[in-house]
């Protein structure tokens, strides 16, 4: 993968600008607009989706401007499309995560007015774990290049980690194509996230409003709401195993990867509430995600011989997503009222 000057070197203040923007938005979200737990309407979810997507697009424009001013138009376009591709890949793969969130909420019978709070704290954990995965991953990749060798008459430098990631993503794409709805039968009360919470605290049988802890018979106990947060956190870590390797195929700039990833994740809550209301529109999307995973895996495997430019990668990812949604609309799921079925699980 080509080495270019990082955006951190060109404009260090962007780090503070990004961090301050995220913190302010999260404080407004939890402390002002959602100070009191309530059921999020489709209108509210749509507005917040537009806000988060708009912020991400504005930031991608800033990325273009910084590289255009400091280097060249060609490099600015490459970095801009790297950001866009990484953003939409994470956004697309996150949809599969949201299907599981719906199942988790249904399994634990979480009242709808508490969904936002669970997802908010789940995303806070994701901010931390994604930083660890991305920055450590970039360093690991930089340390695992093999010496240059001649293969099929071409001098190449193969990266061990990228090759393993590529093989894994091709396998994950093929496996997810035929997975079906296996998650619907899972017992989420026995997942690692739930077991971790239960290992520290006794868990009460019932919810206590929007509290994570309650007092029963003089004993401090965790409520099922905290267990649900633990399950959501663990689920996100599992899904990061797919999504993080995928974005390494797009860029080796950790700042671009992290900012695009975080902006995509921050819009997950509003996307969840839209998805919960219009789940039938995404029945064919898992097949599109399988194609995207396999494509990115192939991109990683052939990278030593042929580099697929970021604009082409962005076009393929975007095209697959659009086609998946269109096919879903043209050939909707025949199961009646699938949303209610999932919520009753």
C-alpha atoms as a PDB file:
ATOM      1  CA  UNK A   1       0.000   0.000   0.000  1.00  0.00           C
ATOM      2  CA  UNK A   2       1.319   3.425  -0.898  1.00  0.00           C
ATOM      3  CA  UNK A   3       2.777   5.595   1.821  1.00  0.00           C
ATOM      4  CA  UNK A   4       1.603   9.215   1.916  1.00  0.00           C
ATOM      5  CA  UNK A   5       1.924  11.993   4.433  1.00  0.00           C
ATOM      6  CA  UNK A   6      -0.688  11.604   7.137  1.00  0.00           C
ATOM      7  CA  UNK A   7      -3.374  14.189   7.733  1.00  0.00           C
ATOM      8  CA  UNK A   8      -2.000  14.364  11.286  1.00  0.00           C
ATOM      9  CA  UNK A   9       1.247  15.786   9.911  1.00  0.00           C
ATOM     10  CA  UNK A  10      -0.484  18.243   7.616  1.00  0.00           C
ATOM     11  CA  UNK A  11      -3.057  19.609  10.050  1.00  0.00           C
ATOM     12  CA  UNK A  12      -2.686  18.403  13.707  1.00  0.00           C
ATOM     13  CA  UNK A  13      -5.494  20.698  14.858  1.00  0.00           C
ATOM     14  CA  UNK A  14      -7.951  18.418  13.045  1.00  0.00           C
ATOM     15  CA  UNK A  15      -7.491  15.907  15.858  1.00  0.00           C
ATOM     16  CA  UNK A  16      -8.791  18.415  18.382  1.00  0.00           C
ATOM     17  CA  UNK A  17     -11.488  19.598  15.988  1.00  0.00           C
ATOM     18  CA  UNK A  18     -12.740  16.041  15.475  1.00  0.00           C
ATOM     19  CA  UNK A  19     -12.591  15.190  19.194  1.00  0.00           C
ATOM     20  CA  UNK A  20     -14.375  18.399  20.268  1.00  0.00           C
ATOM     21  CA  UNK A  21     -17.101  17.909  17.641  1.00  0.00           C
ATOM     22  CA  UNK A  22     -17.784  14.338  18.768  1.00  0.00           C
ATOM     23  CA  UNK A  23     -17.829  15.257  22.478  1.00  0.00           C
ATOM     24  CA  UNK A  24     -20.164  18.243  21.931  1.00  0.00           C
ATOM     25  CA  UNK A  25     -22.560  16.170  19.827  1.00  0.00           C
ATOM     26  CA  UNK A  26     -22.637  13.350  22.387  1.00  0.00           C
ATOM     27  CA  UNK A  27     -23.256  15.798  25.236  1.00  0.00           C
ATOM     28  CA  UNK A  28     -26.086  17.439  23.282  1.00  0.00           C
ATOM     29  CA  UNK A  29     -27.509  14.047  22.440  1.00  0.00           C
ATOM     30  CA  UNK A  30     -27.566  12.635  25.976  1.00  0.00           C
ATOM     31  CA  UNK A  31     -27.720  15.805  28.074  1.00  0.00           C
ATOM     32  CA  UNK A  32     -30.157  17.926  26.058  1.00  0.00           C
ATOM     33  CA  UNK A  33     -32.170  16.105  23.390  1.00  0.00           C
ATOM     34  CA  UNK A  34     -32.405  12.775  25.210  1.00  0.00           C
ATOM     35  CA  UNK A  35     -32.054  13.823  28.852  1.00  0.00           C
ATOM     36  CA  UNK A  36     -35.230  11.902  29.594  1.00  0.00           C
ATOM     37  CA  UNK A  37     -35.526   8.364  28.229  1.00  0.00           C
ATOM     38  CA  UNK A  38     -38.222   8.174  25.562  1.00  0.00           C
ATOM     39  CA  UNK A  39     -39.245   6.165  22.540  1.00  0.00           C
ATOM     40  CA  UNK A  40     -37.533   7.586  19.446  1.00  0.00           C
ATOM     41  CA  UNK A  41     -39.929   8.331  16.589  1.00  0.00           C
ATOM     42  CA  UNK A  42     -39.179   7.777  12.904  1.00  0.00           C
ATOM     43  CA  UNK A  43     -39.111  11.562  12.412  1.00  0.00           C
ATOM     44  CA  UNK A  44     -36.547  12.071  15.163  1.00  0.00           C
ATOM     45  CA  UNK A  45     -34.448   9.162  13.852  1.00  0.00           C
ATOM     46  CA  UNK A  46     -34.522  10.624  10.343  1.00  0.00           C
ATOM     47  CA  UNK A  47     -33.395  14.049  11.552  1.00  0.00           C
ATOM     48  CA  UNK A  48     -30.489  12.599  13.536  1.00  0.00           C
ATOM     49  CA  UNK A  49     -29.484  10.366  10.622  1.00  0.00           C
ATOM     50  CA  UNK A  50     -29.305  13.440   8.377  1.00  0.00           C
ATOM     51  CA  UNK A  51     -27.281  15.309  11.030  1.00  0.00           C
ATOM     52  CA  UNK A  52     -24.668  12.561  11.452  1.00  0.00           C
ATOM     53  CA  UNK A  53     -24.339  11.832   7.735  1.00  0.00           C
ATOM     54  CA  UNK A  54     -24.036  15.562   7.005  1.00  0.00           C
ATOM     55  CA  UNK A  55     -21.297  15.967   9.629  1.00  0.00           C
ATOM     56  CA  UNK A  56     -19.404  13.053   8.112  1.00  0.00           C
ATOM     57  CA  UNK A  57     -19.697  14.446   4.585  1.00  0.00           C
ATOM     58  CA  UNK A  58     -18.514  17.871   5.757  1.00  0.00           C
ATOM     59  CA  UNK A  59     -15.508  16.269   7.428  1.00  0.00           C
ATOM     60  CA  UNK A  60     -14.668  14.370   4.233  1.00  0.00           C
ATOM     61  CA  UNK A  61     -14.684  17.755   2.495  1.00  0.00           C
ATOM     62  CA  UNK A  62     -12.211  19.008   5.087  1.00  0.00           C
ATOM     63  CA  UNK A  63      -9.986  16.005   4.343  1.00  0.00           C
ATOM     64  CA  UNK A  64     -10.060  16.895   0.632  1.00  0.00           C
ATOM     65  CA  UNK A  65      -9.313  20.571   1.351  1.00  0.00           C
ATOM     66  CA  UNK A  66      -6.305  19.796   3.597  1.00  0.00           C
ATOM     67  CA  UNK A  67      -4.618  17.508   1.083  1.00  0.00           C
ATOM     68  CA  UNK A  68      -5.500  19.719  -1.878  1.00  0.00           C
ATOM     69  CA  UNK A  69      -3.885  22.722  -0.179  1.00  0.00           C
ATOM     70  CA  UNK A  70      -0.818  20.826   1.074  1.00  0.00           C
ATOM     71  CA  UNK A  71      -0.133  18.452  -1.817  1.00  0.00           C
ATOM     72  CA  UNK A  72      -2.139  17.919  -5.001  1.00  0.00           C
ATOM     73  CA  UNK A  73      -5.642  17.499  -6.349  1.00  0.00           C
ATOM     74  CA  UNK A  74      -4.921  13.859  -7.215  1.00  0.00           C
ATOM     75  CA  UNK A  75      -3.864  12.977  -3.672  1.00  0.00           C
ATOM     76  CA  UNK A  76      -6.806  14.951  -2.244  1.00  0.00           C
ATOM     77  CA  UNK A  77      -9.240  12.934  -4.373  1.00  0.00           C
ATOM     78  CA  UNK A  78      -7.549   9.687  -3.303  1.00  0.00           C
ATOM     79  CA  UNK A  79      -7.793  10.579   0.407  1.00  0.00           C
ATOM     80  CA  UNK A  80     -11.352  11.848   0.019  1.00  0.00           C
ATOM     81  CA  UNK A  81     -12.467   8.601  -1.619  1.00  0.00           C
ATOM     82  CA  UNK A  82     -10.559   6.557   0.972  1.00  0.00           C
ATOM     83  CA  UNK A  83     -12.554   8.287   3.685  1.00  0.00           C
ATOM     84  CA  UNK A  84     -15.834   7.842   1.815  1.00  0.00           C
ATOM     85  CA  UNK A  85     -15.167   4.172   1.055  1.00  0.00           C
ATOM     86  CA  UNK A  86     -14.193   3.393   4.669  1.00  0.00           C
ATOM     87  CA  UNK A  87     -17.257   5.265   5.934  1.00  0.00           C
ATOM     88  CA  UNK A  88     -19.762   3.495   3.713  1.00  0.00           C
ATOM     89  CA  UNK A  89     -18.179   0.077   4.249  1.00  0.00           C
ATOM     90  CA  UNK A  90     -18.536   0.505   8.019  1.00  0.00           C
ATOM     91  CA  UNK A  91     -22.046   1.898   7.594  1.00  0.00           C
ATOM     92  CA  UNK A  92     -23.075  -1.044   5.420  1.00  0.00           C
ATOM     93  CA  UNK A  93     -21.586  -3.728   7.648  1.00  0.00           C
ATOM     94  CA  UNK A  94     -23.158  -2.043  10.679  1.00  0.00           C
ATOM     95  CA  UNK A  95     -26.612  -2.734   9.268  1.00  0.00           C
ATOM     96  CA  UNK A  96     -26.009  -6.442   9.855  1.00  0.00           C
ATOM     97  CA  UNK A  97     -25.109  -5.520  13.438  1.00  0.00           C
ATOM     98  CA  UNK A  98     -28.405  -3.670  13.819  1.00  0.00           C
ATOM     99  CA  UNK A  99     -30.385  -6.759  12.853  1.00  0.00           C
ATOM    100  CA  UNK A 100     -28.805  -8.470  15.871  1.00  0.00           C
ATOM    101  CA  UNK A 101     -29.582  -5.460  18.099  1.00  0.00           C
ATOM    102  CA  UNK A 102     -33.265  -5.919  17.243  1.00  0.00           C
ATOM    103  CA  UNK A 103     -33.037  -9.582  18.237  1.00  0.00           C
ATOM    104  CA  UNK A 104     -31.224  -8.715  21.498  1.00  0.00           C
ATOM    105  CA  UNK A 105     -33.838  -6.130  22.490  1.00  0.00           C
ATOM    106  CA  UNK A 106     -36.593  -8.610  21.698  1.00  0.00           C
ATOM    107  CA  UNK A 107     -34.900 -11.431  23.639  1.00  0.00           C
ATOM    108  CA  UNK A 108     -34.532  -9.311  26.808  1.00  0.00           C
ATOM    109  CA  UNK A 109     -37.916  -7.610  26.267  1.00  0.00           C
ATOM    110  CA  UNK A 110     -36.325  -4.157  26.597  1.00  0.00           C
ATOM    111  CA  UNK A 111     -38.982  -1.408  26.697  1.00  0.00           C
ATOM    112  CA  UNK A 112     -38.744   0.792  23.601  1.00  0.00           C
ATOM    113  CA  UNK A 113     -38.104   3.960  25.601  1.00  0.00           C
ATOM    114  CA  UNK A 114     -34.835   2.411  26.872  1.00  0.00           C
ATOM    115  CA  UNK A 115     -33.414   1.434  23.467  1.00  0.00           C
ATOM    116  CA  UNK A 116     -31.678   4.776  22.924  1.00  0.00           C
ATOM    117  CA  UNK A 117     -29.893   4.688  26.276  1.00  0.00           C
ATOM    118  CA  UNK A 118     -28.558   1.179  25.662  1.00  0.00           C
ATOM    119  CA  UNK A 119     -27.283   2.096  22.200  1.00  0.00           C
ATOM    120  CA  UNK A 120     -25.726   5.339  23.484  1.00  0.00           C
ATOM    121  CA  UNK A 121     -23.556   3.557  26.040  1.00  0.00           C
ATOM    122  CA  UNK A 122     -22.855   0.792  23.575  1.00  0.00           C
ATOM    123  CA  UNK A 123     -21.434   3.340  21.171  1.00  0.00           C
ATOM    124  CA  UNK A 124     -19.281   4.917  23.893  1.00  0.00           C
ATOM    125  CA  UNK A 125     -17.607   1.536  24.299  1.00  0.00           C
ATOM    126  CA  UNK A 126     -17.242   1.234  20.531  1.00  0.00           C
ATOM    127  CA  UNK A 127     -15.328   4.551  20.405  1.00  0.00           C
ATOM    128  CA  UNK A 128     -12.708   3.066  22.711  1.00  0.00           C
ATOM    129  CA  UNK A 129     -12.454  -0.417  21.214  1.00  0.00           C
ATOM    130  CA  UNK A 130     -12.334   0.843  17.616  1.00  0.00           C
ATOM    131  CA  UNK A 131      -9.431   3.167  18.481  1.00  0.00           C
ATOM    132  CA  UNK A 132      -7.498   0.223  19.927  1.00  0.00           C
ATOM    133  CA  UNK A 133      -8.263  -2.036  16.956  1.00  0.00           C
ATOM    134  CA  UNK A 134      -7.478   0.544  14.262  1.00  0.00           C
ATOM    135  CA  UNK A 135      -4.296   2.124  15.620  1.00  0.00           C
ATOM    136  CA  UNK A 136      -2.867  -1.216  16.786  1.00  0.00           C
ATOM    137  CA  UNK A 137      -3.860  -2.810  13.484  1.00  0.00           C
ATOM    138  CA  UNK A 138      -2.091  -0.192  11.384  1.00  0.00           C
ATOM    139  CA  UNK A 139       1.089  -0.621  13.416  1.00  0.00           C
ATOM    140  CA  UNK A 140       0.879  -4.414  13.136  1.00  0.00           C
ATOM    141  CA  UNK A 141       0.450  -4.201   9.372  1.00  0.00           C
ATOM    142  CA  UNK A 142       3.475  -1.900   9.059  1.00  0.00           C
ATOM    143  CA  UNK A 143       5.577  -4.454  10.965  1.00  0.00           C
ATOM    144  CA  UNK A 144       4.595  -7.531   8.949  1.00  0.00           C
ATOM    145  CA  UNK A 145       5.828  -6.829   5.423  1.00  0.00           C
ATOM    146  CA  UNK A 146       7.985  -9.633   4.036  1.00  0.00           C
ATOM    147  CA  UNK A 147      11.196  -8.826   2.142  1.00  0.00           C
ATOM    148  CA  UNK A 148      10.677  -8.066  -1.551  1.00  0.00           C
ATOM    149  CA  UNK A 149      10.454 -11.206  -3.660  1.00  0.00           C
ATOM    150  CA  UNK A 150       9.878 -12.081  -7.297  1.00  0.00           C
ATOM    151  CA  UNK A 151       6.566 -13.866  -7.983  1.00  0.00           C
ATOM    152  CA  UNK A 152       5.298 -14.563 -11.519  1.00  0.00           C
ATOM    153  CA  UNK A 153       8.001 -12.283 -12.861  1.00  0.00           C
ATOM    154  CA  UNK A 154       6.965  -9.298 -10.720  1.00  0.00           C
ATOM    155  CA  UNK A 155       8.796  -7.904  -7.669  1.00  0.00           C
ATOM    156  CA  UNK A 156       6.290  -7.750  -4.781  1.00  0.00           C
ATOM    157  CA  UNK A 157       6.193  -7.161  -1.042  1.00  0.00           C
ATOM    158  CA  UNK A 158       3.592  -9.363   0.610  1.00  0.00           C
ATOM    159  CA  UNK A 159       2.110  -8.391   3.949  1.00  0.00           C
ATOM    160  CA  UNK A 160       1.358 -11.339   6.206  1.00  0.00           C
ATOM    161  CA  UNK A 161      -1.443  -9.673   8.187  1.00  0.00           C
ATOM    162  CA  UNK A 162      -3.156  -8.220   5.102  1.00  0.00           C
ATOM    163  CA  UNK A 163      -3.029 -11.626   3.402  1.00  0.00           C
ATOM    164  CA  UNK A 164      -4.592 -13.313   6.437  1.00  0.00           C
ATOM    165  CA  UNK A 165      -7.232 -10.590   6.634  1.00  0.00           C
ATOM    166  CA  UNK A 166      -7.980 -11.024   2.937  1.00  0.00           C
ATOM    167  CA  UNK A 167      -8.431 -14.789   3.260  1.00  0.00           C
ATOM    168  CA  UNK A 168     -10.631 -14.288   6.331  1.00  0.00           C
ATOM    169  CA  UNK A 169     -12.872 -11.728   4.601  1.00  0.00           C
ATOM    170  CA  UNK A 170     -13.352 -13.939   1.533  1.00  0.00           C
ATOM    171  CA  UNK A 171     -14.303 -16.787   3.891  1.00  0.00           C
ATOM    172  CA  UNK A 172     -16.583 -14.466   5.910  1.00  0.00           C
ATOM    173  CA  UNK A 173     -18.306 -13.283   2.724  1.00  0.00           C
ATOM    174  CA  UNK A 174     -18.942 -16.827   1.520  1.00  0.00           C
ATOM    175  CA  UNK A 175     -20.102 -17.952   4.970  1.00  0.00           C
ATOM    176  CA  UNK A 176     -22.436 -14.990   5.529  1.00  0.00           C
ATOM    177  CA  UNK A 177     -24.078 -15.574   2.120  1.00  0.00           C
ATOM    178  CA  UNK A 178     -25.451 -18.891   3.347  1.00  0.00           C
ATOM    179  CA  UNK A 179     -25.840 -18.118   7.041  1.00  0.00           C
ATOM    180  CA  UNK A 180     -29.522 -17.233   6.877  1.00  0.00           C
ATOM    181  CA  UNK A 181     -31.128 -16.214  10.175  1.00  0.00           C
ATOM    182  CA  UNK A 182     -29.159 -18.376  12.566  1.00  0.00           C
ATOM    183  CA  UNK A 183     -28.904 -15.530  15.111  1.00  0.00           C
ATOM    184  CA  UNK A 184     -32.652 -15.656  15.723  1.00  0.00           C
ATOM    185  CA  UNK A 185     -32.298 -18.820  17.835  1.00  0.00           C
ATOM    186  CA  UNK A 186     -29.363 -17.649  19.968  1.00  0.00           C
ATOM    187  CA  UNK A 187     -29.643 -17.460  23.751  1.00  0.00           C
ATOM    188  CA  UNK A 188     -28.221 -13.992  24.380  1.00  0.00           C
ATOM    189  CA  UNK A 189     -28.343 -14.438  28.156  1.00  0.00           C
ATOM    190  CA  UNK A 190     -25.359 -16.800  27.845  1.00  0.00           C
ATOM    191  CA  UNK A 191     -23.107 -14.610  25.689  1.00  0.00           C
ATOM    192  CA  UNK A 192     -19.746 -13.413  26.989  1.00  0.00           C
ATOM    193  CA  UNK A 193     -21.070  -9.886  27.562  1.00  0.00           C
ATOM    194  CA  UNK A 194     -23.925 -11.125  29.756  1.00  0.00           C
ATOM    195  CA  UNK A 195     -21.687 -13.524  31.669  1.00  0.00           C
ATOM    196  CA  UNK A 196     -19.180 -10.716  32.366  1.00  0.00           C
ATOM    197  CA  UNK A 197     -21.854  -8.528  33.980  1.00  0.00           C
ATOM    198  CA  UNK A 198     -23.218 -11.461  35.978  1.00  0.00           C
ATOM    199  CA  UNK A 199     -19.728 -12.308  37.237  1.00  0.00           C
ATOM    200  CA  UNK A 200     -19.501  -8.911  38.989  1.00  0.00           C
ATOM    201  CA  UNK A 201     -23.059  -8.326  40.168  1.00  0.00           C
ATOM    202  CA  UNK A 202     -26.229 -10.163  40.938  1.00  0.00           C
ATOM    203  CA  UNK A 203     -28.901  -9.268  38.406  1.00  0.00           C
ATOM    204  CA  UNK A 204     -32.452  -8.369  39.349  1.00  0.00           C
ATOM    205  CA  UNK A 205     -35.370 -10.014  37.611  1.00  0.00           C
ATOM    206  CA  UNK A 206     -37.042  -6.793  36.488  1.00  0.00           C
ATOM    207  CA  UNK A 207     -36.093  -3.425  35.004  1.00  0.00           C
ATOM    208  CA  UNK A 208     -36.074  -0.367  37.281  1.00  0.00           C
ATOM    209  CA  UNK A 209     -36.874   2.447  34.863  1.00  0.00           C
ATOM    210  CA  UNK A 210     -33.703   3.517  33.041  1.00  0.00           C
ATOM    211  CA  UNK A 211     -31.383   2.587  35.930  1.00  0.00           C
ATOM    212  CA  UNK A 212     -28.404   0.256  35.522  1.00  0.00           C
ATOM    213  CA  UNK A 213     -28.422  -0.577  39.259  1.00  0.00           C
ATOM    214  CA  UNK A 214     -31.151  -1.040  41.835  1.00  0.00           C
ATOM    215  CA  UNK A 215     -31.460  -1.880  45.531  1.00  0.00           C
ATOM    216  CA  UNK A 216     -33.453  -4.966  46.524  1.00  0.00           C
ATOM    217  CA  UNK A 217     -33.657  -6.133  50.138  1.00  0.00           C
ATOM    218  CA  UNK A 218     -30.704  -3.895  50.973  1.00  0.00           C
ATOM    219  CA  UNK A 219     -28.530  -5.464  48.230  1.00  0.00           C
ATOM    220  CA  UNK A 220     -27.175  -3.478  45.293  1.00  0.00           C
ATOM    221  CA  UNK A 221     -27.933  -5.380  42.096  1.00  0.00           C
ATOM    222  CA  UNK A 222     -27.467  -4.791  38.385  1.00  0.00           C
ATOM    223  CA  UNK A 223     -30.659  -4.498  36.371  1.00  0.00           C
ATOM    224  CA  UNK A 224     -31.243  -6.430  33.140  1.00  0.00           C
ATOM    225  CA  UNK A 225     -30.570  -3.114  31.343  1.00  0.00           C
ATOM    226  CA  UNK A 226     -26.869  -3.336  32.248  1.00  0.00           C
ATOM    227  CA  UNK A 227     -26.785  -6.922  30.979  1.00  0.00           C
ATOM    228  CA  UNK A 228     -28.200  -5.747  27.657  1.00  0.00           C
ATOM    229  CA  UNK A 229     -25.459  -3.087  27.398  1.00  0.00           C
ATOM    230  CA  UNK A 230     -22.862  -5.802  28.028  1.00  0.00           C
ATOM    231  CA  UNK A 231     -24.369  -7.975  25.288  1.00  0.00           C
ATOM    232  CA  UNK A 232     -24.455  -5.049  22.835  1.00  0.00           C
ATOM    233  CA  UNK A 233     -20.801  -4.196  23.606  1.00  0.00           C
ATOM    234  CA  UNK A 234     -19.707  -7.800  23.063  1.00  0.00           C
ATOM    235  CA  UNK A 235     -21.732  -7.988  19.832  1.00  0.00           C
ATOM    236  CA  UNK A 236     -20.016  -4.854  18.523  1.00  0.00           C
ATOM    237  CA  UNK A 237     -16.583  -6.308  19.259  1.00  0.00           C
ATOM    238  CA  UNK A 238     -17.502  -9.437  17.291  1.00  0.00           C
ATOM    239  CA  UNK A 239     -18.702  -7.403  14.320  1.00  0.00           C
ATOM    240  CA  UNK A 240     -15.518  -5.310  14.430  1.00  0.00           C
ATOM    241  CA  UNK A 241     -13.665  -8.518  13.517  1.00  0.00           C
ATOM    242  CA  UNK A 242     -15.242  -8.163  10.056  1.00  0.00           C
ATOM    243  CA  UNK A 243     -15.429  -4.411   9.621  1.00  0.00           C
ATOM    244  CA  UNK A 244     -11.980  -3.340  10.877  1.00  0.00           C
ATOM    245  CA  UNK A 245      -9.970  -5.686   8.608  1.00  0.00           C
ATOM    246  CA  UNK A 246     -12.197  -4.556   5.737  1.00  0.00           C
ATOM    247  CA  UNK A 247     -11.246  -0.883   6.037  1.00  0.00           C
ATOM    248  CA  UNK A 248      -7.522  -1.747   6.186  1.00  0.00           C
ATOM    249  CA  UNK A 249      -7.897  -2.591   2.498  1.00  0.00           C
ATOM    250  CA  UNK A 250      -8.887   1.030   1.837  1.00  0.00           C
ATOM    251  CA  UNK A 251      -6.164   3.085   3.560  1.00  0.00           C
ATOM    252  CA  UNK A 252      -3.209   2.901   5.940  1.00  0.00           C
ATOM    253  CA  UNK A 253      -3.868   6.338   7.443  1.00  0.00           C
ATOM    254  CA  UNK A 254      -5.190   5.624  10.977  1.00  0.00           C
ATOM    255  CA  UNK A 255      -6.782   9.051  11.326  1.00  0.00           C
ATOM    256  CA  UNK A 256      -8.864   8.670   8.166  1.00  0.00           C
ATOM    257  CA  UNK A 257      -9.832   5.133   9.174  1.00  0.00           C
ATOM    258  CA  UNK A 258     -10.778   6.093  12.722  1.00  0.00           C
ATOM    259  CA  UNK A 259     -12.712   9.271  11.933  1.00  0.00           C
ATOM    260  CA  UNK A 260     -14.698   7.644   9.128  1.00  0.00           C
ATOM    261  CA  UNK A 261     -15.372   4.625  11.343  1.00  0.00           C
ATOM    262  CA  UNK A 262     -16.531   6.716  14.300  1.00  0.00           C
ATOM    263  CA  UNK A 263     -18.799   8.960  12.250  1.00  0.00           C
ATOM    264  CA  UNK A 264     -20.409   5.821  10.812  1.00  0.00           C
ATOM    265  CA  UNK A 265     -20.864   4.331  14.289  1.00  0.00           C
ATOM    266  CA  UNK A 266     -22.263   7.549  15.773  1.00  0.00           C
ATOM    267  CA  UNK A 267     -25.125   7.381  13.291  1.00  0.00           C
ATOM    268  CA  UNK A 268     -25.958   3.812  14.299  1.00  0.00           C
ATOM    269  CA  UNK A 269     -28.611   4.708  16.872  1.00  0.00           C
ATOM    270  CA  UNK A 270     -30.750   6.747  14.480  1.00  0.00           C
ATOM    271  CA  UNK A 271     -30.171   4.139  11.775  1.00  0.00           C
ATOM    272  CA  UNK A 272     -31.362   1.469  14.207  1.00  0.00           C
ATOM    273  CA  UNK A 273     -34.689   3.217  14.827  1.00  0.00           C
ATOM    274  CA  UNK A 274     -35.216   3.631  11.070  1.00  0.00           C
ATOM    275  CA  UNK A 275     -34.315  -0.005  10.476  1.00  0.00           C
ATOM    276  CA  UNK A 276     -36.636  -1.200  13.251  1.00  0.00           C
ATOM    277  CA  UNK A 277     -39.523   0.529  11.526  1.00  0.00           C
ATOM    278  CA  UNK A 278     -38.619  -0.468   7.955  1.00  0.00           C
ATOM    279  CA  UNK A 279     -36.829  -3.786   8.389  1.00  0.00           C
ATOM    280  CA  UNK A 280     -38.612  -5.317   5.380  1.00  0.00           C
ATOM    281  CA  UNK A 281     -36.702  -2.966   3.068  1.00  0.00           C
ATOM    282  CA  UNK A 282     -33.393  -4.645   3.913  1.00  0.00           C
ATOM    283  CA  UNK A 283     -34.214  -8.335   3.403  1.00  0.00           C
ATOM    284  CA  UNK A 284     -31.648  -8.743   0.591  1.00  0.00           C
ATOM    285  CA  UNK A 285     -28.966  -6.519   2.121  1.00  0.00           C
ATOM    286  CA  UNK A 286     -27.105  -9.410   3.847  1.00  0.00           C
ATOM    287  CA  UNK A 287     -26.319 -10.808   0.390  1.00  0.00           C
ATOM    288  CA  UNK A 288     -24.908  -7.457  -0.661  1.00  0.00           C
ATOM    289  CA  UNK A 289     -22.772  -7.334   2.486  1.00  0.00           C
ATOM    290  CA  UNK A 290     -21.454 -10.821   1.687  1.00  0.00           C
ATOM    291  CA  UNK A 291     -20.387  -9.593  -1.769  1.00  0.00           C
ATOM    292  CA  UNK A 292     -18.708  -6.523  -0.255  1.00  0.00           C
ATOM    293  CA  UNK A 293     -16.743  -8.639   2.258  1.00  0.00           C
ATOM    294  CA  UNK A 294     -15.584 -11.009  -0.475  1.00  0.00           C
ATOM    295  CA  UNK A 295     -14.625  -8.118  -2.792  1.00  0.00           C
ATOM    296  CA  UNK A 296     -12.563  -6.411  -0.083  1.00  0.00           C
ATOM    297  CA  UNK A 297     -10.874  -9.728   0.728  1.00  0.00           C
ATOM    298  CA  UNK A 298      -9.909 -10.192  -2.931  1.00  0.00           C
ATOM    299  CA  UNK A 299      -8.702  -6.572  -3.047  1.00  0.00           C
ATOM    300  CA  UNK A 300      -6.367  -7.342  -0.124  1.00  0.00           C
ATOM    301  CA  UNK A 301      -5.068 -10.566  -1.672  1.00  0.00           C
ATOM    302  CA  UNK A 302      -4.212  -9.027  -5.060  1.00  0.00           C
ATOM    303  CA  UNK A 303      -2.843  -5.766  -3.607  1.00  0.00           C
ATOM    304  CA  UNK A 304       0.842  -6.794  -4.005  1.00  0.00           C
ATOM    305  CA  UNK A 305       0.265  -7.189  -7.754  1.00  0.00           C
ATOM    306  CA  UNK A 306      -2.558  -4.779  -8.522  1.00  0.00           C
ATOM    307  CA  UNK A 307      -3.896  -1.795  -6.586  1.00  0.00           C
ATOM    308  CA  UNK A 308      -7.610  -1.123  -7.010  1.00  0.00           C
ATOM    309  CA  UNK A 309      -7.965   2.680  -6.700  1.00  0.00           C
ATOM    310  CA  UNK A 310     -10.170   3.999  -3.909  1.00  0.00           C
ATOM    311  CA  UNK A 311     -12.670   5.672  -6.295  1.00  0.00           C
ATOM    312  CA  UNK A 312     -13.300   2.286  -7.950  1.00  0.00           C
ATOM    313  CA  UNK A 313     -13.649   0.575  -4.567  1.00  0.00           C
ATOM    314  CA  UNK A 314     -16.108   3.266  -3.463  1.00  0.00           C
ATOM    315  CA  UNK A 315     -18.110   2.825  -6.667  1.00  0.00           C
ATOM    316  CA  UNK A 316     -18.312  -0.954  -6.266  1.00  0.00           C
ATOM    317  CA  UNK A 317     -19.330  -0.753  -2.588  1.00  0.00           C
ATOM    318  CA  UNK A 318     -21.919   1.935  -3.291  1.00  0.00           C
ATOM    319  CA  UNK A 319     -23.259   0.070  -6.319  1.00  0.00           C
ATOM    320  CA  UNK A 320     -23.677  -3.192  -4.404  1.00  0.00           C
ATOM    321  CA  UNK A 321     -25.509  -1.403  -1.586  1.00  0.00           C
ATOM    322  CA  UNK A 322     -27.890   0.397  -3.940  1.00  0.00           C
ATOM    323  CA  UNK A 323     -28.628  -2.781  -5.902  1.00  0.00           C
ATOM    324  CA  UNK A 324     -29.229  -4.715  -2.647  1.00  0.00           C
ATOM    325  CA  UNK A 325     -31.781  -2.175  -1.437  1.00  0.00           C
ATOM    326  CA  UNK A 326     -33.483  -1.954  -4.846  1.00  0.00           C
ATOM    327  CA  UNK A 327     -33.767  -5.739  -5.086  1.00  0.00           C
ATOM    328  CA  UNK A 328     -35.153  -5.782  -1.523  1.00  0.00           C
ATOM    329  CA  UNK A 329     -37.858  -3.303  -2.558  1.00  0.00           C
ATOM    330  CA  UNK A 330     -38.653  -5.109  -5.814  1.00  0.00           C
ATOM    331  CA  UNK A 331     -38.738  -8.536  -4.166  1.00  0.00           C
ATOM    332  CA  UNK A 332     -39.766  -7.926  -0.530  1.00  0.00           C
ATOM    333  CA  UNK A 333     -39.597 -10.575   2.175  1.00  0.00           C
ATOM    334  CA  UNK A 334     -42.740 -12.692   2.036  1.00  0.00           C
ATOM    335  CA  UNK A 335     -42.862 -13.341   5.782  1.00  0.00           C
ATOM    336  CA  UNK A 336     -45.691 -11.273   7.176  1.00  0.00           C
ATOM    337  CA  UNK A 337     -44.897  -8.604   9.697  1.00  0.00           C
ATOM    338  CA  UNK A 338     -41.289  -9.700  10.214  1.00  0.00           C
ATOM    339  CA  UNK A 339     -40.598  -6.835  12.571  1.00  0.00           C
ATOM    340  CA  UNK A 340     -43.223  -8.064  15.047  1.00  0.00           C
ATOM    341  CA  UNK A 341     -41.909 -11.584  14.753  1.00  0.00           C
ATOM    342  CA  UNK A 342     -38.386 -10.475  15.679  1.00  0.00           C
ATOM    343  CA  UNK A 343     -39.620  -8.422  18.624  1.00  0.00           C
ATOM    344  CA  UNK A 344     -41.546 -11.390  20.002  1.00  0.00           C
ATOM    345  CA  UNK A 345     -38.468 -13.645  19.963  1.00  0.00           C
END
